[in-house]
Amino acid sequence: MPREDAFQVEGVVVEVLPNGLYIAELANGHRVRAYVAGRARRSFPGLRAGETVRLQMSPYDLSEGRVIVETK
């Protein structure tokens, strides 16, 4: 079920961390911790630094986002 208050932004993966975590930089220079959740992990075998991704973020916690789709 999609969250109604969540919004989507695009970012670039800057750093790959252990346990499937990533550091993504948004267009405004803000860096957030990103992760791939649930079944979507099968679609994302591994992201590399420099790849552009779309993140879903909550307005309540702007330090973390969920990777929705990899844009090319």
PDB file of N, CA and C in Angstrom:
ATOM      1  N   MET A   1       0.836  -1.162   0.000  1.00  0.00           N
ATOM      2  CA  MET A   1       0.000   0.000   0.000  1.00  0.00           C
ATOM      3  C   MET A   1       0.891   1.237   0.000  1.00  0.00           C
ATOM      4  N   PRO A   2       0.750   2.119  -0.974  1.00  0.00           N
ATOM      5  CA  PRO A   2       1.604   3.309  -1.029  1.00  0.00           C
ATOM      6  C   PRO A   2       1.215   4.314   0.046  1.00  0.00           C
ATOM      7  N   ARG A   3       2.207   4.985   0.534  1.00  0.00           N
ATOM      8  CA  ARG A   3       1.970   6.025   1.529  1.00  0.00           C
ATOM      9  C   ARG A   3       1.562   7.305   0.817  1.00  0.00           C
ATOM     10  N   GLU A   4       0.567   7.982   1.335  1.00  0.00           N
ATOM     11  CA  GLU A   4       0.090   9.197   0.693  1.00  0.00           C
ATOM     12  C   GLU A   4       0.982  10.398   0.980  1.00  0.00           C
ATOM     13  N   ASP A   5       1.694  10.378   2.109  1.00  0.00           N
ATOM     14  CA  ASP A   5       2.518  11.526   2.450  1.00  0.00           C
ATOM     15  C   ASP A   5       3.958  11.395   1.962  1.00  0.00           C
ATOM     16  N   ALA A   6       4.310  10.265   1.388  1.00  0.00           N
ATOM     17  CA  ALA A   6       5.672  10.064   0.881  1.00  0.00           C
ATOM     18  C   ALA A   6       5.838  10.791  -0.455  1.00  0.00           C
ATOM     19  N   PHE A   7       7.063  11.204  -0.741  1.00  0.00           N
ATOM     20  CA  PHE A   7       7.342  11.855  -2.016  1.00  0.00           C
ATOM     21  C   PHE A   7       8.561  11.205  -2.648  1.00  0.00           C
ATOM     22  N   GLN A   8       8.740  11.429  -3.944  1.00  0.00           N
ATOM     23  CA  GLN A   8       9.827  10.796  -4.683  1.00  0.00           C
ATOM     24  C   GLN A   8      10.811  11.853  -5.167  1.00  0.00           C
ATOM     25  N   VAL A   9      12.097  11.507  -5.088  1.00  0.00           N
ATOM     26  CA  VAL A   9      13.172  12.371  -5.568  1.00  0.00           C
ATOM     27  C   VAL A   9      14.182  11.502  -6.308  1.00  0.00           C
ATOM     28  N   GLU A  10      14.982  12.142  -7.143  1.00  0.00           N
ATOM     29  CA  GLU A  10      16.048  11.422  -7.829  1.00  0.00           C
ATOM     30  C   GLU A  10      17.372  11.743  -7.177  1.00  0.00           C
ATOM     31  N   GLY A  11      18.242  10.749  -7.175  1.00  0.00           N
ATOM     32  CA  GLY A  11      19.562  10.926  -6.590  1.00  0.00           C
ATOM     33  C   GLY A  11      20.576  10.047  -7.288  1.00  0.00           C
ATOM     34  N   VAL A  12      21.834  10.257  -6.950  1.00  0.00           N
ATOM     35  CA  VAL A  12      22.933   9.485  -7.521  1.00  0.00           C
ATOM     36  C   VAL A  12      23.613   8.733  -6.391  1.00  0.00           C
ATOM     37  N   VAL A  13      23.832   7.438  -6.593  1.00  0.00           N
ATOM     38  CA  VAL A  13      24.522   6.629  -5.587  1.00  0.00           C
ATOM     39  C   VAL A  13      25.972   7.087  -5.522  1.00  0.00           C
ATOM     40  N   VAL A  14      26.404   7.499  -4.329  1.00  0.00           N
ATOM     41  CA  VAL A  14      27.753   8.002  -4.136  1.00  0.00           C
ATOM     42  C   VAL A  14      28.647   6.944  -3.511  1.00  0.00           C
ATOM     43  N   GLU A  15      28.065   6.166  -2.603  1.00  0.00           N
ATOM     44  CA  GLU A  15      28.867   5.190  -1.858  1.00  0.00           C
ATOM     45  C   GLU A  15      28.023   3.946  -1.608  1.00  0.00           C
ATOM     46  N   VAL A  16      28.658   2.783  -1.683  1.00  0.00           N
ATOM     47  CA  VAL A  16      28.010   1.510  -1.393  1.00  0.00           C
ATOM     48  C   VAL A  16      28.489   1.047  -0.022  1.00  0.00           C
ATOM     49  N   LEU A  17      27.545   0.820   0.887  1.00  0.00           N
ATOM     50  CA  LEU A  17      27.847   0.379   2.243  1.00  0.00           C
ATOM     51  C   LEU A  17      27.500  -1.102   2.395  1.00  0.00           C
ATOM     52  N   PRO A  18      27.983  -1.761   3.455  1.00  0.00           N
ATOM     53  CA  PRO A  18      27.614  -3.163   3.668  1.00  0.00           C
ATOM     54  C   PRO A  18      26.126  -3.313   4.005  1.00  0.00           C
ATOM     55  N   ASN A  19      25.630  -4.545   3.904  1.00  0.00           N
ATOM     56  CA  ASN A  19      24.247  -4.912   4.233  1.00  0.00           C
ATOM     57  C   ASN A  19      23.214  -4.263   3.324  1.00  0.00           C
ATOM     58  N   GLY A  20      23.565  -3.988   2.085  1.00  0.00           N
ATOM     59  CA  GLY A  20      22.597  -3.461   1.134  1.00  0.00           C
ATOM     60  C   GLY A  20      22.211  -2.012   1.357  1.00  0.00           C
ATOM     61  N   LEU A  21      23.055  -1.250   2.001  1.00  0.00           N
ATOM     62  CA  LEU A  21      22.803   0.170   2.200  1.00  0.00           C
ATOM     63  C   LEU A  21      23.628   0.986   1.216  1.00  0.00           C
ATOM     64  N   TYR A  22      23.124   2.168   0.888  1.00  0.00           N
ATOM     65  CA  TYR A  22      23.785   3.051  -0.057  1.00  0.00           C
ATOM     66  C   TYR A  22      23.715   4.471   0.474  1.00  0.00           C
ATOM     67  N   ILE A  23      24.652   5.301   0.065  1.00  0.00           N
ATOM     68  CA  ILE A  23      24.586   6.731   0.307  1.00  0.00           C
ATOM     69  C   ILE A  23      24.279   7.366  -1.041  1.00  0.00           C
ATOM     70  N   ALA A  24      23.171   8.104  -1.096  1.00  0.00           N
ATOM     71  CA  ALA A  24      22.755   8.752  -2.333  1.00  0.00           C
ATOM     72  C   ALA A  24      22.782  10.260  -2.136  1.00  0.00           C
ATOM     73  N   GLU A  25      23.215  10.967  -3.172  1.00  0.00           N
ATOM     74  CA  GLU A  25      23.245  12.426  -3.125  1.00  0.00           C
ATOM     75  C   GLU A  25      22.133  12.973  -4.010  1.00  0.00           C
ATOM     76  N   LEU A  26      21.326  13.850  -3.438  1.00  0.00           N
ATOM     77  CA  LEU A  26      20.217  14.455  -4.166  1.00  0.00           C
ATOM     78  C   LEU A  26      20.710  15.648  -4.969  1.00  0.00           C
ATOM     79  N   ALA A  27      19.841  16.200  -5.785  1.00  0.00           N
ATOM     80  CA  ALA A  27      20.213  17.320  -6.653  1.00  0.00           C
ATOM     81  C   ALA A  27      20.625  18.559  -5.862  1.00  0.00           C
ATOM     82  N   ASN A  28      20.083  18.725  -4.655  1.00  0.00           N
ATOM     83  CA  ASN A  28      20.420  19.895  -3.848  1.00  0.00           C
ATOM     84  C   ASN A  28      21.679  19.687  -3.010  1.00  0.00           C
ATOM     85  N   GLY A  29      22.356  18.551  -3.175  1.00  0.00           N
ATOM     86  CA  GLY A  29      23.597  18.286  -2.456  1.00  0.00           C
ATOM     87  C   GLY A  29      23.412  17.544  -1.147  1.00  0.00           C
ATOM     88  N   HIS A  30      22.176  17.305  -0.731  1.00  0.00           N
ATOM     89  CA  HIS A  30      21.888  16.599   0.512  1.00  0.00           C
ATOM     90  C   HIS A  30      22.167  15.108   0.325  1.00  0.00           C
ATOM     91  N   ARG A  31      22.852  14.488   1.264  1.00  0.00           N
ATOM     92  CA  ARG A  31      23.146  13.052   1.199  1.00  0.00           C
ATOM     93  C   ARG A  31      22.242  12.294   2.149  1.00  0.00           C
ATOM     94  N   VAL A  32      21.667  11.199   1.659  1.00  0.00           N
ATOM     95  CA  VAL A  32      20.754  10.385   2.461  1.00  0.00           C
ATOM     96  C   VAL A  32      21.187   8.922   2.396  1.00  0.00           C
ATOM     97  N   ARG A  33      20.816   8.182   3.425  1.00  0.00           N
ATOM     98  CA  ARG A  33      21.052   6.745   3.445  1.00  0.00           C
ATOM     99  C   ARG A  33      19.884   6.088   2.714  1.00  0.00           C
ATOM    100  N   ALA A  34      20.180   5.211   1.778  1.00  0.00           N
ATOM    101  CA  ALA A  34      19.147   4.573   0.959  1.00  0.00           C
ATOM    102  C   ALA A  34      19.240   3.066   1.096  1.00  0.00           C
ATOM    103  N   TYR A  35      18.099   2.405   0.924  1.00  0.00           N
ATOM    104  CA  TYR A  35      18.060   0.947   1.002  1.00  0.00           C
ATOM    105  C   TYR A  35      17.030   0.437   0.007  1.00  0.00           C
ATOM    106  N   VAL A  36      17.153  -0.831  -0.329  1.00  0.00           N
ATOM    107  CA  VAL A  36      16.189  -1.496  -1.194  1.00  0.00           C
ATOM    108  C   VAL A  36      15.420  -2.452  -0.305  1.00  0.00           C
ATOM    109  N   ALA A  37      14.104  -2.334  -0.268  1.00  0.00           N
ATOM    110  CA  ALA A  37      13.301  -3.102   0.677  1.00  0.00           C
ATOM    111  C   ALA A  37      12.515  -4.221   0.000  1.00  0.00           C
ATOM    112  N   GLY A  38      12.265  -5.269   0.755  1.00  0.00           N
ATOM    113  CA  GLY A  38      11.344  -6.331   0.365  1.00  0.00           C
ATOM    114  C   GLY A  38      11.714  -7.069  -0.901  1.00  0.00           C
ATOM    115  N   ARG A  39      10.690  -7.347  -1.703  1.00  0.00           N
ATOM    116  CA  ARG A  39      10.877  -8.117  -2.932  1.00  0.00           C
ATOM    117  C   ARG A  39      11.701  -7.375  -3.971  1.00  0.00           C
ATOM    118  N   ALA A  40      11.800  -6.079  -3.848  1.00  0.00           N
ATOM    119  CA  ALA A  40      12.549  -5.289  -4.829  1.00  0.00           C
ATOM    120  C   ALA A  40      14.030  -5.658  -4.822  1.00  0.00           C
ATOM    121  N   ARG A  41      14.520  -6.291  -3.770  1.00  0.00           N
ATOM    122  CA  ARG A  41      15.933  -6.704  -3.731  1.00  0.00           C
ATOM    123  C   ARG A  41      16.278  -7.655  -4.868  1.00  0.00           C
ATOM    124  N   ARG A  42      15.304  -8.419  -5.314  1.00  0.00           N
ATOM    125  CA  ARG A  42      15.542  -9.344  -6.433  1.00  0.00           C
ATOM    126  C   ARG A  42      15.783  -8.577  -7.733  1.00  0.00           C
ATOM    127  N   SER A  43      15.132  -7.429  -7.870  1.00  0.00           N
ATOM    128  CA  SER A  43      15.277  -6.619  -9.081  1.00  0.00           C
ATOM    129  C   SER A  43      16.564  -5.810  -9.086  1.00  0.00           C
ATOM    130  N   PHE A  44      17.130  -5.579  -7.903  1.00  0.00           N
ATOM    131  CA  PHE A  44      18.342  -4.792  -7.763  1.00  0.00           C
ATOM    132  C   PHE A  44      19.460  -5.689  -7.240  1.00  0.00           C
ATOM    133  N   PRO A  45      20.116  -6.444  -8.116  1.00  0.00           N
ATOM    134  CA  PRO A  45      21.171  -7.335  -7.622  1.00  0.00           C
ATOM    135  C   PRO A  45      22.326  -6.582  -6.995  1.00  0.00           C
ATOM    136  N   GLY A  46      22.518  -5.349  -7.350  1.00  0.00           N
ATOM    137  CA  GLY A  46      23.565  -4.538  -6.757  1.00  0.00           C
ATOM    138  C   GLY A  46      23.692  -3.225  -7.499  1.00  0.00           C
ATOM    139  N   LEU A  47      23.637  -2.153  -6.771  1.00  0.00           N
ATOM    140  CA  LEU A  47      23.830  -0.846  -7.370  1.00  0.00           C
ATOM    141  C   LEU A  47      25.288  -0.455  -7.226  1.00  0.00           C
ATOM    142  N   ARG A  48      25.766   0.330  -8.144  1.00  0.00           N
ATOM    143  CA  ARG A  48      27.159   0.789  -8.115  1.00  0.00           C
ATOM    144  C   ARG A  48      27.184   2.304  -7.951  1.00  0.00           C
ATOM    145  N   ALA A  49      28.307   2.785  -7.507  1.00  0.00           N
ATOM    146  CA  ALA A  49      28.470   4.235  -7.365  1.00  0.00           C
ATOM    147  C   ALA A  49      28.342   4.888  -8.743  1.00  0.00           C
ATOM    148  N   GLY A  50      27.620   5.990  -8.797  1.00  0.00           N
ATOM    149  CA  GLY A  50      27.425   6.707 -10.050  1.00  0.00           C
ATOM    150  C   GLY A  50      26.095   6.428 -10.724  1.00  0.00           C
ATOM    151  N   GLU A  51      25.347   5.435 -10.258  1.00  0.00           N
ATOM    152  CA  GLU A  51      24.064   5.120 -10.864  1.00  0.00           C
ATOM    153  C   GLU A  51      22.992   6.060 -10.326  1.00  0.00           C
ATOM    154  N   THR A  52      22.063   6.427 -11.193  1.00  0.00           N
ATOM    155  CA  THR A  52      20.965   7.311 -10.820  1.00  0.00           C
ATOM    156  C   THR A  52      19.782   6.469 -10.378  1.00  0.00           C
ATOM    157  N   VAL A  53      19.185   6.813  -9.243  1.00  0.00           N
ATOM    158  CA  VAL A  53      18.052   6.071  -8.696  1.00  0.00           C
ATOM    159  C   VAL A  53      16.956   7.040  -8.285  1.00  0.00           C
ATOM    160  N   ARG A  54      15.735   6.524  -8.195  1.00  0.00           N
ATOM    161  CA  ARG A  54      14.614   7.295  -7.674  1.00  0.00           C
ATOM    162  C   ARG A  54      14.339   6.784  -6.263  1.00  0.00           C
ATOM    163  N   LEU A  55      14.224   7.717  -5.316  1.00  0.00           N
ATOM    164  CA  LEU A  55      14.021   7.374  -3.915  1.00  0.00           C
ATOM    165  C   LEU A  55      12.639   7.812  -3.456  1.00  0.00           C
ATOM    166  N   GLN A  56      12.045   7.020  -2.592  1.00  0.00           N
ATOM    167  CA  GLN A  56      10.808   7.406  -1.928  1.00  0.00           C
ATOM    168  C   GLN A  56      11.181   7.804  -0.505  1.00  0.00           C
ATOM    169  N   MET A  57      10.782   9.008  -0.099  1.00  0.00           N
ATOM    170  CA  MET A  57      11.162   9.519   1.208  1.00  0.00           C
ATOM    171  C   MET A  57       9.930   9.973   1.977  1.00  0.00           C
ATOM    172  N   SER A  58      10.026   9.887   3.279  1.00  0.00           N
ATOM    173  CA  SER A  58       8.976  10.349   4.165  1.00  0.00           C
ATOM    174  C   SER A  58       9.282  11.794   4.584  1.00  0.00           C
ATOM    175  N   PRO A  59       8.280  12.638   4.696  1.00  0.00           N
ATOM    176  CA  PRO A  59       8.547  14.013   5.135  1.00  0.00           C
ATOM    177  C   PRO A  59       8.948  14.089   6.605  1.00  0.00           C
ATOM    178  N   TYR A  60       8.795  12.997   7.346  1.00  0.00           N
ATOM    179  CA  TYR A  60       9.119  12.991   8.763  1.00  0.00           C
ATOM    180  C   TYR A  60      10.582  12.661   9.032  1.00  0.00           C
ATOM    181  N   ASP A  61      11.232  11.926   8.122  1.00  0.00           N
ATOM    182  CA  ASP A  61      12.634  11.562   8.288  1.00  0.00           C
ATOM    183  C   ASP A  61      13.344  11.760   6.953  1.00  0.00           C
ATOM    184  N   LEU A  62      14.010  12.893   6.796  1.00  0.00           N
ATOM    185  CA  LEU A  62      14.653  13.220   5.529  1.00  0.00           C
ATOM    186  C   LEU A  62      16.080  12.704   5.437  1.00  0.00           C
ATOM    187  N   SER A  63      16.495  11.853   6.360  1.00  0.00           N
ATOM    188  CA  SER A  63      17.845  11.310   6.321  1.00  0.00           C
ATOM    189  C   SER A  63      17.886   9.917   5.707  1.00  0.00           C
ATOM    190  N   GLU A  64      16.722   9.368   5.337  1.00  0.00           N
ATOM    191  CA  GLU A  64      16.671   8.005   4.842  1.00  0.00           C
ATOM    192  C   GLU A  64      15.640   7.896   3.730  1.00  0.00           C
ATOM    193  N   GLY A  65      15.936   7.062   2.731  1.00  0.00           N
ATOM    194  CA  GLY A  65      15.003   6.866   1.637  1.00  0.00           C
ATOM    195  C   GLY A  65      15.042   5.442   1.134  1.00  0.00           C
ATOM    196  N   ARG A  66      13.986   5.034   0.454  1.00  0.00           N
ATOM    197  CA  ARG A  66      13.891   3.687  -0.101  1.00  0.00           C
ATOM    198  C   ARG A  66      14.030   3.771  -1.607  1.00  0.00           C
ATOM    199  N   VAL A  67      14.877   2.933  -2.173  1.00  0.00           N
ATOM    200  CA  VAL A  67      15.103   2.928  -3.617  1.00  0.00           C
ATOM    201  C   VAL A  67      13.866   2.311  -4.275  1.00  0.00           C
ATOM    202  N   ILE A  68      13.249   3.079  -5.169  1.00  0.00           N
ATOM    203  CA  ILE A  68      12.060   2.617  -5.887  1.00  0.00           C
ATOM    204  C   ILE A  68      12.453   1.999  -7.226  1.00  0.00           C
ATOM    205  N   VAL A  69      13.224   2.731  -8.018  1.00  0.00           N
ATOM    206  CA  VAL A  69      13.572   2.254  -9.348  1.00  0.00           C
ATOM    207  C   VAL A  69      14.934   2.842  -9.741  1.00  0.00           C
ATOM    208  N   GLU A  70      15.623   2.089 -10.537  1.00  0.00           N
ATOM    209  CA  GLU A  70      16.907   2.564 -11.076  1.00  0.00           C
ATOM    210  C   GLU A  70      16.635   3.230 -12.407  1.00  0.00           C
ATOM    211  N   THR A  71      16.997   4.498 -12.554  1.00  0.00           N
ATOM    212  CA  THR A  71      16.797   5.205 -13.812  1.00  0.00           C
ATOM    213  C   THR A  71      18.096   5.177 -14.603  1.00  0.00           C
ATOM    214  N   LYS A  72      17.978   5.181 -15.914  1.00  0.00           N
ATOM    215  CA  LYS A  72      19.170   5.058 -16.741  1.00  0.00           C
ATOM    216  C   LYS A  72      19.421   6.305 -17.527  1.00  0.00           C
TER     217      LYS A  72
END
